[in-house]
Structure formats: C-alpha cells, structure tokens
Amino acid sequence: MTAAQQGDRARDRIVECARELFSAHSYADVSVKDIADAAGVSTSLVMKHGVSKERLFEMTLDFSVSGQSMFGGDFATLGRDAVRETLTAPVDAPYSMVRILCVAGGSDATLDAMGIRIRQDIVSRLEEQITAHAPDGSPSPQLRAQSAVALLIGLSFMRRVGDPDFDQHSFKQLEDYYSTLVQDIVEGRG
C-alpha cells in the first residue's frame, strides 16, 4: 500500500470515528483527542490532515444518500416513497438528522453546519424534482421543498423522540396520511 493510500485510509477512519462520536455525544463533549483515540491515531495525525473539530463535524454531515433515496424516484410516488423511507429507517440509526440534532446540544456551530447540509443535500434535491415535474404549482418550488422536508423531519422527530407510543399507530394509516400531505405539498396542491 502506498503512503497516499495509507493516508486516505487514516483520514477515512478519522472521519468515521468522528461521525460515530458526534452521533453519540454532544458537539461540545467531543474533542479532537477523543476522535484520534477512537481512530487509533495521534492527535497530531488528525491535525496533519488539516482537519479541525469543526471541519470534522461538517465532514460527518452528509445527507446526500438520504436525499437521493427519498426524492430520487418517480415524482408521482415521491410522497409515499419519502414517507416510507422516514417510517422504516432504523429508529436507532446513528447518523439520522433527528438524532444528531438531539445529541448535538444545539451549539451554533452544529446548527449552522446541519442547516447548510440539509439545504444542500435534502431541500435542494427535492426542489430540483419539483422544478422538473411541477414548476407551476404554488407556492414556489423552494418553499414547497422546505415545507415537505419540514413535515418529514417532524414525522421523524415524533417517531424517534416525541411520541413514546408511536409504534402503536397503524403503519398503513401513517403512510397513507403523511404521503398524501407530502405529495400535495410537492405538487403545489397543499
């Protein structure tokens, strides 16, 4: 293995360990030393890669896969697909937006970084779909995308945090109700 490959592997390991720590502890409670220890490297190696704690946190926030899986399919079934994804994702998934928001402690750096990534990876992906398939609805594609994403994040929050009896609700009823709401929003009927 070349030195460059070893460096890439170390960097990937550092980012993965940072992701695990940031999803389990508040931003304020995680240090570069904690990340280095978890990755089995020295703090100086983390810094050698030119990576600060703030930059590591930003690197761990990647919701592009979620954006694609929720909004990358057929526009006619987008609401149902997005709601199904929201309802079937593992409740204890360590990288969920809701989990990171709850654990992060609400620091300004955390909220700013998450806001940027949600807009880039989730809202803009949905806005592209709306613009391509229902550009003439009202309000604007951007506002419809924001509204639909807010509804889905709210659903995820209730499922994971807000309703301890959430699993008592009928999956089909939840899916039918929320998918209709999301589809109406994205098509400009909501």
Foldseek 3Di string as FASTA:
>chain_A
DDPVVVLVVLVVLLLVLLLQDLLAAALVPDALCNSCVSSVHHSVSCCVVVAHSLNSLLVSQACQVVQCQQQVDDLVQSLLRNLVCLVPDDLVPSRDPLSSCVRRPPDPSSVVSNVVNCVVRHLVSLLVVLCVPACPAPDGSSVLSVVLVVLSVVVSCCVNPVPPCVVVDDPVVSSVVRSVVNSCSSNNND
